[in-house]
């Protein structure tokens, strides 16, 4: 087990620029569960130059420029850490906003750890607390008035926003929208990708003539009202049999989403201690305790999200951890190993939370529960109702 008091003091010294530690770096190597050479499937974007994957060139560890493919972006890796922290928020006593909505017996919850724009997401801006618009509640005003000169309200109510970055871009009455860079970054890349092709063909055990045109009404007299309305417009009076699900449907191999085989897979993570040192709070004591608490949260998020035997990125991309290292990065590019288990990281948060309380900032373990405002609730209700109808028709 790590000496947590010593680790806390070293982090505190770093985030107040009192020692030579600039960052904590995490390097990890992965491989597909099926082994080296098996394809993995990167995230997809708008198609460009015949691909929906993100290819670019980087310097290899050997110092040569090579092509890489992004397997998991900075944003996605931050979201994985936030989701992991969200799952243990009660255990950590982590403050957060929580929009809650119940429809037809089903309750939906969305926290600032899952919302795209975190605490400044439109879901929270368009919510109420006890019937009062959130932005005009005392907490809403505090968050709205936070500035780079004093970020204490964010530290008190939504500390993870300060770790993973924030851009208050939705409100138009600001002269200058609050924008904070993330202090924790991580991404996964595949080195020297070889582009694959995806081939999919739908078979038919009786090999019916799929190109034959038929009267849909005769084939599907039981279809729902929605389908019948479309038929009344004349748009779907005739269909090919393969449009009804019969016959063979061959398809040409598709390179744009065909997966990739890569030479190796790396995760590169960095907690910028000098980045945290830029955050300003109410006084110097809170500067020290607050920045250190944020460093502890970042380390806990990393360990919770990536400290296991592997990771599921998405369908077709289950990876096994081959090796991992954590190290202090110091002035002069010197490095020093750091050992930190997931349990250590969680206990470091406990210690940091206690020191933060002693400095005058007490985290509330109870989430602040918001409800969507009337117009937002109506839109959500309509979407859920429509989705329910679609599910019933399926």
Protein backbone atom coordinates (compact mmCIF):
# COMPACT_ATOMS: atom_id res chain seq x y z
CA UNK A 1 0.00 0.00 0.00
CA UNK A 2 1.25 3.47 -0.90
CA UNK A 3 2.22 5.95 1.83
CA UNK A 4 -0.83 8.15 1.25
CA UNK A 5 0.26 10.98 3.53
CA UNK A 6 3.56 11.26 1.66
CA UNK A 7 1.77 11.05 -1.70
CA UNK A 8 -0.70 13.75 -0.64
CA UNK A 9 2.08 16.09 0.46
CA UNK A 10 4.01 15.55 -2.78
CA UNK A 11 0.93 16.29 -4.86
CA UNK A 12 0.18 19.35 -2.74
CA UNK A 13 3.70 20.64 -3.28
CA UNK A 14 3.42 20.05 -7.03
CA UNK A 15 0.08 21.85 -7.49
CA UNK A 16 1.46 24.85 -5.62
CA UNK A 17 4.63 24.81 -7.73
CA UNK A 18 6.79 24.00 -4.70
CA UNK A 19 8.72 21.07 -6.19
CA UNK A 20 9.96 19.77 -9.55
CA UNK A 21 6.98 17.51 -10.35
CA UNK A 22 5.15 18.71 -13.47
CA UNK A 23 2.87 15.77 -14.21
CA UNK A 24 1.98 12.14 -13.65
CA UNK A 25 2.20 10.05 -16.81
CA UNK A 26 0.51 6.72 -17.47
CA UNK A 27 1.59 4.50 -20.33
CA UNK A 28 -0.13 1.23 -21.10
CA UNK A 29 0.03 -1.34 -23.87
CA UNK A 30 -2.95 -3.40 -24.94
CA UNK A 31 -3.74 -6.10 -27.46
CA UNK A 32 -7.00 -7.44 -28.89
CA UNK A 33 -8.48 -10.27 -26.87
CA UNK A 34 -8.01 -12.52 -29.92
CA UNK A 35 -4.31 -11.64 -29.93
CA UNK A 36 -1.91 -9.64 -32.08
CA UNK A 37 -3.14 -9.26 -35.63
CA UNK A 38 -6.85 -9.45 -34.81
CA UNK A 39 -8.92 -6.53 -36.05
CA UNK A 40 -10.26 -3.82 -33.77
CA UNK A 41 -12.94 -1.30 -34.60
CA UNK A 42 -12.20 2.39 -33.99
CA UNK A 43 -14.94 4.95 -33.30
CA UNK A 44 -16.65 6.29 -36.43
CA UNK A 45 -17.04 9.88 -37.61
CA UNK A 46 -18.39 11.57 -40.73
CA UNK A 47 -16.91 9.91 -43.80
CA UNK A 48 -13.87 11.69 -45.25
CA UNK A 49 -11.46 10.44 -47.91
CA UNK A 50 -13.18 7.07 -48.01
CA UNK A 51 -13.00 6.32 -44.31
CA UNK A 52 -15.04 6.94 -41.20
CA UNK A 53 -12.04 6.42 -38.91
CA UNK A 54 -9.58 9.01 -37.61
CA UNK A 55 -6.16 8.37 -39.15
CA UNK A 56 -3.20 10.70 -38.65
CA UNK A 57 0.56 10.61 -38.38
CA UNK A 58 2.58 10.62 -35.17
CA UNK A 59 6.18 10.15 -34.11
CA UNK A 60 6.80 6.56 -33.09
CA UNK A 61 8.77 5.79 -29.89
CA UNK A 62 11.71 5.08 -32.23
CA UNK A 63 11.50 8.63 -33.65
CA UNK A 64 10.02 7.90 -37.07
CA UNK A 65 6.74 9.29 -38.46
CA UNK A 66 4.10 6.58 -38.79
CA UNK A 67 0.38 6.39 -39.36
CA UNK A 68 -1.85 5.80 -36.34
CA UNK A 69 -5.56 5.40 -35.84
CA UNK A 70 -7.38 6.87 -32.85
CA UNK A 71 -9.06 4.04 -30.95
CA UNK A 72 -10.44 6.17 -28.12
CA UNK A 73 -10.31 9.96 -28.04
CA UNK A 74 -9.51 12.35 -25.20
CA UNK A 75 -13.19 13.11 -24.81
CA UNK A 76 -14.19 9.47 -24.70
CA UNK A 77 -11.49 8.55 -22.19
CA UNK A 78 -12.55 11.44 -19.94
CA UNK A 79 -16.14 10.21 -20.17
CA UNK A 80 -15.03 6.72 -19.12
CA UNK A 81 -13.33 8.17 -16.03
CA UNK A 82 -16.38 10.27 -15.21
CA UNK A 83 -18.69 7.27 -15.57
CA UNK A 84 -16.42 5.26 -13.26
CA UNK A 85 -16.46 8.05 -10.66
CA UNK A 86 -20.22 8.36 -11.02
CA UNK A 87 -20.59 4.69 -10.07
CA UNK A 88 -18.73 5.25 -6.77
CA UNK A 89 -19.93 8.79 -6.11
CA UNK A 90 -21.75 7.77 -2.94
CA UNK A 91 -18.66 5.93 -1.67
CA UNK A 92 -16.49 9.00 -2.31
CA UNK A 93 -19.02 11.53 -1.03
CA UNK A 94 -18.70 13.26 -4.36
CA UNK A 95 -20.86 16.37 -4.94
CA UNK A 96 -22.84 16.40 -8.20
CA UNK A 97 -25.94 17.60 -9.96
CA UNK A 98 -28.59 15.05 -10.81
CA UNK A 99 -31.51 15.69 -13.15
CA UNK A 100 -34.27 13.19 -12.42
CA UNK A 101 -37.40 12.55 -14.47
CA UNK A 102 -40.05 9.86 -14.10
CA UNK A 103 -42.37 8.85 -16.92
CA UNK A 104 -44.77 5.95 -17.02
CA UNK A 105 -43.15 4.36 -13.99
CA UNK A 106 -39.62 4.61 -15.36
CA UNK A 107 -37.12 7.02 -13.73
CA UNK A 108 -34.34 8.59 -15.77
CA UNK A 109 -31.33 10.21 -14.09
CA UNK A 110 -28.57 12.31 -15.65
CA UNK A 111 -25.63 13.62 -13.58
CA UNK A 112 -23.07 16.24 -14.49
CA UNK A 113 -20.61 13.33 -14.73
CA UNK A 114 -22.58 12.01 -17.71
CA UNK A 115 -23.87 15.19 -19.37
CA UNK A 116 -21.92 16.35 -22.47
CA UNK A 117 -21.26 19.86 -21.11
CA UNK A 118 -21.04 18.74 -17.49
CA UNK A 119 -22.66 21.15 -15.00
CA UNK A 120 -23.21 23.75 -17.73
CA UNK A 121 -25.17 21.34 -19.87
CA UNK A 122 -28.48 22.51 -21.29
CA UNK A 123 -30.31 19.80 -19.33
CA UNK A 124 -29.35 21.53 -16.07
CA UNK A 125 -29.76 25.07 -17.38
CA UNK A 126 -33.33 24.15 -18.35
CA UNK A 127 -34.19 22.46 -15.07
CA UNK A 128 -35.79 23.58 -11.82
CA UNK A 129 -35.24 22.90 -8.13
CA UNK A 130 -38.46 22.88 -6.17
CA UNK A 131 -40.17 24.78 -8.96
CA UNK A 132 -37.47 27.50 -9.12
CA UNK A 133 -35.31 27.73 -12.26
CA UNK A 134 -31.95 26.27 -11.30
CA UNK A 135 -30.00 29.29 -12.52
CA UNK A 136 -31.75 31.61 -10.07
CA UNK A 137 -31.31 29.33 -7.05
CA UNK A 138 -28.43 30.29 -4.74
CA UNK A 139 -26.34 27.39 -6.08
CA UNK A 140 -27.22 28.16 -9.68
CA UNK A 141 -26.15 31.78 -9.20
CA UNK A 142 -22.89 30.73 -7.55
CA UNK A 143 -22.00 28.44 -10.43
CA UNK A 144 -23.06 31.01 -12.99
CA UNK A 145 -20.91 33.71 -11.41
CA UNK A 146 -17.78 31.56 -11.00
CA UNK A 147 -14.80 32.98 -12.86
CA UNK A 148 -11.18 32.08 -13.47
CA UNK A 149 -10.33 34.41 -10.59
CA UNK A 150 -12.37 32.32 -8.16
CA UNK A 151 -13.56 28.83 -9.07
CA UNK A 152 -14.55 27.91 -5.52
CA UNK A 153 -18.25 27.35 -6.38
CA UNK A 154 -17.25 24.68 -8.90
CA UNK A 155 -14.90 23.08 -6.38
CA UNK A 156 -17.72 22.93 -3.83
CA UNK A 157 -20.56 21.70 -6.02
CA UNK A 158 -19.11 20.01 -9.15
CA UNK A 159 -15.38 19.37 -8.57
CA UNK A 160 -14.97 16.88 -11.41
CA UNK A 161 -15.80 19.64 -13.90
CA UNK A 162 -12.45 21.19 -12.95
CA UNK A 163 -10.60 17.96 -13.72
CA UNK A 164 -12.15 17.18 -17.11
CA UNK A 165 -12.71 20.70 -18.43
CA UNK A 166 -15.64 23.01 -18.90
CA UNK A 167 -17.01 25.37 -21.51
CA UNK A 168 -20.03 27.42 -20.52
CA UNK A 169 -21.20 27.97 -24.09
CA UNK A 170 -24.99 27.89 -23.85
CA UNK A 171 -25.83 31.19 -22.16
CA UNK A 172 -25.94 34.31 -24.30
CA UNK A 173 -25.87 36.91 -21.52
CA UNK A 174 -22.21 36.41 -20.72
CA UNK A 175 -19.58 38.80 -21.99
CA UNK A 176 -17.01 36.01 -21.81
CA UNK A 177 -18.02 32.37 -21.44
CA UNK A 178 -16.14 30.47 -18.76
CA UNK A 179 -13.79 28.01 -20.44
CA UNK A 180 -11.48 25.69 -18.52
CA UNK A 181 -9.00 23.26 -20.04
CA UNK A 182 -8.96 19.68 -18.79
CA UNK A 183 -6.04 18.81 -16.50
CA UNK A 184 -6.35 15.08 -17.12
CA UNK A 185 -5.96 13.71 -20.63
CA UNK A 186 -5.83 10.20 -21.99
CA UNK A 187 -6.23 8.61 -25.39
CA UNK A 188 -5.72 5.22 -27.02
CA UNK A 189 -4.12 4.84 -30.42
CA UNK A 190 -3.32 1.95 -32.74
CA UNK A 191 0.11 2.11 -34.38
CA UNK A 192 0.61 1.44 -38.10
CA UNK A 193 -2.97 0.41 -38.90
CA UNK A 194 -3.77 -1.83 -41.84
CA UNK A 195 -7.23 -1.05 -43.10
CA UNK A 196 -9.69 -3.91 -43.26
CA UNK A 197 -12.94 -4.40 -45.11
CA UNK A 198 -16.32 -5.23 -43.74
CA UNK A 199 -18.36 -7.70 -45.73
CA UNK A 200 -21.93 -8.54 -44.74
CA UNK A 201 -24.47 -10.54 -46.73
CA UNK A 202 -27.98 -11.43 -45.68
CA UNK A 203 -28.83 -15.01 -46.59
CA UNK A 204 -32.19 -16.69 -47.35
CA UNK A 205 -32.55 -20.43 -46.63
CA UNK A 206 -35.11 -20.79 -49.47
CA UNK A 207 -33.44 -18.27 -51.76
CA UNK A 208 -36.68 -16.40 -52.61
CA UNK A 209 -36.46 -13.92 -55.52
CA UNK A 210 -35.60 -10.77 -53.58
CA UNK A 211 -35.80 -8.44 -56.59
CA UNK A 212 -39.46 -9.31 -57.33
CA UNK A 213 -41.79 -6.33 -56.77
CA UNK A 214 -44.90 -7.07 -54.70
CA UNK A 215 -47.93 -5.29 -53.20
CA UNK A 216 -46.96 -4.50 -49.64
CA UNK A 217 -50.59 -4.34 -48.47
CA UNK A 218 -51.17 -7.89 -49.63
CA UNK A 219 -48.08 -9.12 -47.82
CA UNK A 220 -48.45 -7.07 -44.64
CA UNK A 221 -52.15 -6.36 -43.99
CA UNK A 222 -51.47 -6.38 -40.23
CA UNK A 223 -49.02 -3.47 -40.29
CA UNK A 224 -49.41 -0.61 -37.79
CA UNK A 225 -51.25 2.64 -38.33
CA UNK A 226 -47.97 4.45 -38.85
CA UNK A 227 -47.11 2.19 -41.75
CA UNK A 228 -50.59 2.48 -43.19
CA UNK A 229 -50.38 6.28 -43.15
CA UNK A 230 -47.17 6.09 -45.14
CA UNK A 231 -48.84 3.75 -47.59
CA UNK A 232 -51.73 6.21 -48.03
CA UNK A 233 -49.24 8.77 -49.29
CA UNK A 234 -48.32 6.36 -52.06
CA UNK A 235 -44.69 6.17 -50.99
CA UNK A 236 -44.68 2.50 -50.05
CA UNK A 237 -47.39 0.84 -52.16
CA UNK A 238 -44.88 -1.43 -53.88
CA UNK A 239 -41.80 -3.04 -52.44
CA UNK A 240 -39.19 -5.51 -53.47
CA UNK A 241 -39.27 -8.77 -51.59
CA UNK A 242 -35.85 -8.06 -50.14
CA UNK A 243 -37.28 -4.87 -48.67
CA UNK A 244 -39.69 -7.10 -46.77
CA UNK A 245 -36.82 -9.25 -45.53
CA UNK A 246 -36.88 -12.07 -48.09
CA UNK A 247 -34.23 -13.15 -50.55
CA UNK A 248 -30.49 -12.80 -50.58
CA UNK A 249 -29.01 -9.34 -50.04
CA UNK A 250 -25.35 -9.34 -51.10
CA UNK A 251 -23.19 -6.35 -50.31
CA UNK A 252 -19.78 -5.21 -51.48
CA UNK A 253 -17.01 -5.18 -48.85
CA UNK A 254 -16.91 -1.75 -47.19
CA UNK A 255 -13.49 -0.31 -46.39
CA UNK A 256 -14.78 2.80 -44.66
CA UNK A 257 -15.89 0.81 -41.59
CA UNK A 258 -13.90 -2.39 -42.07
CA UNK A 259 -11.90 -2.26 -38.83
CA UNK A 260 -8.12 -2.15 -38.61
CA UNK A 261 -5.27 -4.47 -37.70
CA UNK A 262 -2.57 -2.54 -35.83
CA UNK A 263 1.03 -3.25 -34.91
CA UNK A 264 0.39 -2.29 -31.27
CA UNK A 265 -2.07 -0.39 -29.09
CA UNK A 266 -1.04 2.28 -26.58
CA UNK A 267 -2.81 4.34 -23.98
CA UNK A 268 -1.13 7.62 -23.11
CA UNK A 269 -2.52 9.37 -20.04
CA UNK A 270 -1.30 12.54 -18.30
CA UNK A 271 -2.40 14.35 -15.17
CA UNK A 272 -1.01 17.86 -15.51
CA UNK A 273 -0.04 19.09 -12.06
CA UNK A 274 1.07 22.42 -13.45
CA UNK A 275 -2.34 22.62 -15.14
CA UNK A 276 -4.08 22.18 -11.80
CA UNK A 277 -1.77 24.87 -10.38
CA UNK A 278 -3.49 27.40 -12.66
CA UNK A 279 -6.86 26.99 -10.91
CA UNK A 280 -7.68 29.79 -8.49
CA UNK A 281 -9.92 29.51 -5.43
CA UNK A 282 -10.98 31.69 -2.55
CA UNK A 283 -7.70 31.71 -0.64
CA UNK A 284 -4.27 30.09 -0.58
CA UNK A 285 -5.28 27.34 1.84
CA UNK A 286 -8.10 26.27 -0.46
CA UNK A 287 -5.80 26.59 -3.47
CA UNK A 288 -3.55 23.93 -1.96
CA UNK A 289 -6.22 21.60 -0.62
CA UNK A 290 -8.57 22.07 -3.57
CA UNK A 291 -6.02 21.42 -6.30
CA UNK A 292 -4.73 18.37 -4.41
CA UNK A 293 -8.26 17.01 -4.05
CA UNK A 294 -8.74 17.42 -7.80
CA UNK A 295 -5.49 15.54 -8.45
CA UNK A 296 -6.73 12.74 -6.19
CA UNK A 297 -10.05 12.61 -8.08
CA UNK A 298 -8.23 12.43 -11.41
CA UNK A 299 -6.05 9.55 -10.22
CA UNK A 300 -9.06 7.72 -8.81
CA UNK A 301 -10.96 8.16 -12.08
CA UNK A 302 -8.02 6.78 -14.04
CA UNK A 303 -7.55 3.77 -11.79
CA UNK A 304 -11.27 2.98 -11.72
CA UNK A 305 -11.60 3.24 -15.50
CA UNK A 306 -8.32 1.66 -16.59
CA UNK A 307 -6.91 -0.23 -13.60
CA UNK A 308 -8.46 -3.57 -14.57
CA UNK A 309 -7.31 -6.50 -16.69
CA UNK A 310 -8.58 -4.93 -19.88
CA UNK A 311 -11.17 -2.61 -21.34
CA UNK A 312 -14.27 -2.81 -23.50
CA UNK A 313 -14.14 0.14 -25.88
CA UNK A 314 -17.06 -0.87 -28.12
CA UNK A 315 -18.31 -3.81 -30.15
CA UNK A 316 -15.31 -5.50 -31.75
CA UNK A 317 -12.82 -3.70 -29.51
CA UNK A 318 -12.33 -5.68 -26.30
CA UNK A 319 -8.71 -5.27 -25.27
CA UNK A 320 -6.40 -7.00 -22.79
CA UNK A 321 -3.87 -5.00 -20.78
CA UNK A 322 -0.33 -6.19 -21.56
CA UNK A 323 1.67 -3.75 -19.45
CA UNK A 324 1.29 -0.45 -17.64
CA UNK A 325 3.48 2.10 -15.90
CA UNK A 326 2.85 5.25 -13.90
CA UNK A 327 5.54 7.81 -13.31
CA UNK A 328 6.19 11.28 -12.02
CA UNK A 329 7.43 13.60 -14.75
CA UNK A 330 9.81 16.21 -13.44
CA UNK A 331 11.75 19.25 -14.49
CA UNK A 332 14.40 18.22 -16.98
CA UNK A 333 12.15 15.41 -18.28
CA UNK A 334 13.32 13.21 -15.45
CA UNK A 335 10.91 10.46 -14.40
CA UNK A 336 10.30 8.47 -11.24
CA UNK A 337 8.05 5.39 -10.92
CA UNK A 338 4.75 5.70 -9.08
CA UNK A 339 2.79 2.75 -7.74
CA UNK A 340 -0.90 3.37 -7.10
CA UNK A 341 -3.64 0.76 -6.85
CA UNK A 342 -7.32 1.51 -7.24
CA UNK A 343 -7.85 1.10 -3.49
CA UNK A 344 -4.95 3.49 -2.82
CA UNK A 345 -6.49 6.06 -5.15
CA UNK A 346 -9.88 5.86 -3.46
CA UNK A 347 -8.31 6.26 -0.03
CA UNK A 348 -6.31 9.21 -1.33
CA UNK A 349 -9.60 10.88 -2.24
CA UNK A 350 -10.85 10.21 1.30
CA UNK A 351 -7.75 11.87 2.72
CA UNK A 352 -7.96 14.80 0.30
CA UNK A 353 -11.65 15.33 1.11
CA UNK A 354 -10.81 15.54 4.83
CA UNK A 355 -7.99 18.04 4.21
CA UNK A 356 -10.28 20.08 1.96
CA UNK A 357 -12.92 20.21 4.69
CA UNK A 358 -10.27 21.39 7.15
CA UNK A 359 -9.45 24.19 4.69
CA UNK A 360 -13.08 25.30 4.67
CA UNK A 361 -14.70 23.44 1.75
CA UNK A 362 -17.07 20.67 2.79
CA UNK A 363 -18.28 18.37 0.01
CA UNK A 364 -21.91 17.32 0.27
CA UNK A 365 -22.36 13.61 -0.49
CA UNK A 366 -26.01 14.16 -1.39
CA UNK A 367 -26.57 15.05 -5.05
CA UNK A 368 -28.54 18.16 -5.83
CA UNK A 369 -31.64 16.81 -7.56
CA UNK A 370 -33.16 18.87 -10.37
CA UNK A 371 -36.28 18.32 -12.45
CA UNK A 372 -36.64 19.27 -16.10
CA UNK A 373 -38.63 22.46 -16.61
CA UNK A 374 -42.10 22.23 -18.13
CA UNK A 375 -41.08 22.58 -21.81
CA UNK A 376 -38.07 20.29 -21.41
CA UNK A 377 -40.17 17.71 -19.56
CA UNK A 378 -42.71 17.75 -22.36
CA UNK A 379 -40.06 17.12 -25.02
CA UNK A 380 -38.52 14.30 -22.99
CA UNK A 381 -41.97 12.79 -22.42
CA UNK A 382 -42.80 12.96 -26.12
CA UNK A 383 -39.51 11.30 -27.05
CA UNK A 384 -40.00 8.51 -24.52
CA UNK A 385 -43.59 7.98 -25.68
CA UNK A 386 -42.53 7.79 -29.33
CA UNK A 387 -39.72 5.41 -28.42
CA UNK A 388 -42.18 3.22 -26.56
CA UNK A 389 -44.40 3.06 -29.63
CA UNK A 390 -41.43 2.14 -31.82
CA UNK A 391 -40.44 -0.60 -29.39
CA UNK A 392 -43.99 -1.93 -29.39
CA UNK A 393 -44.04 -1.99 -33.21
CA UNK A 394 -40.69 -3.75 -33.46
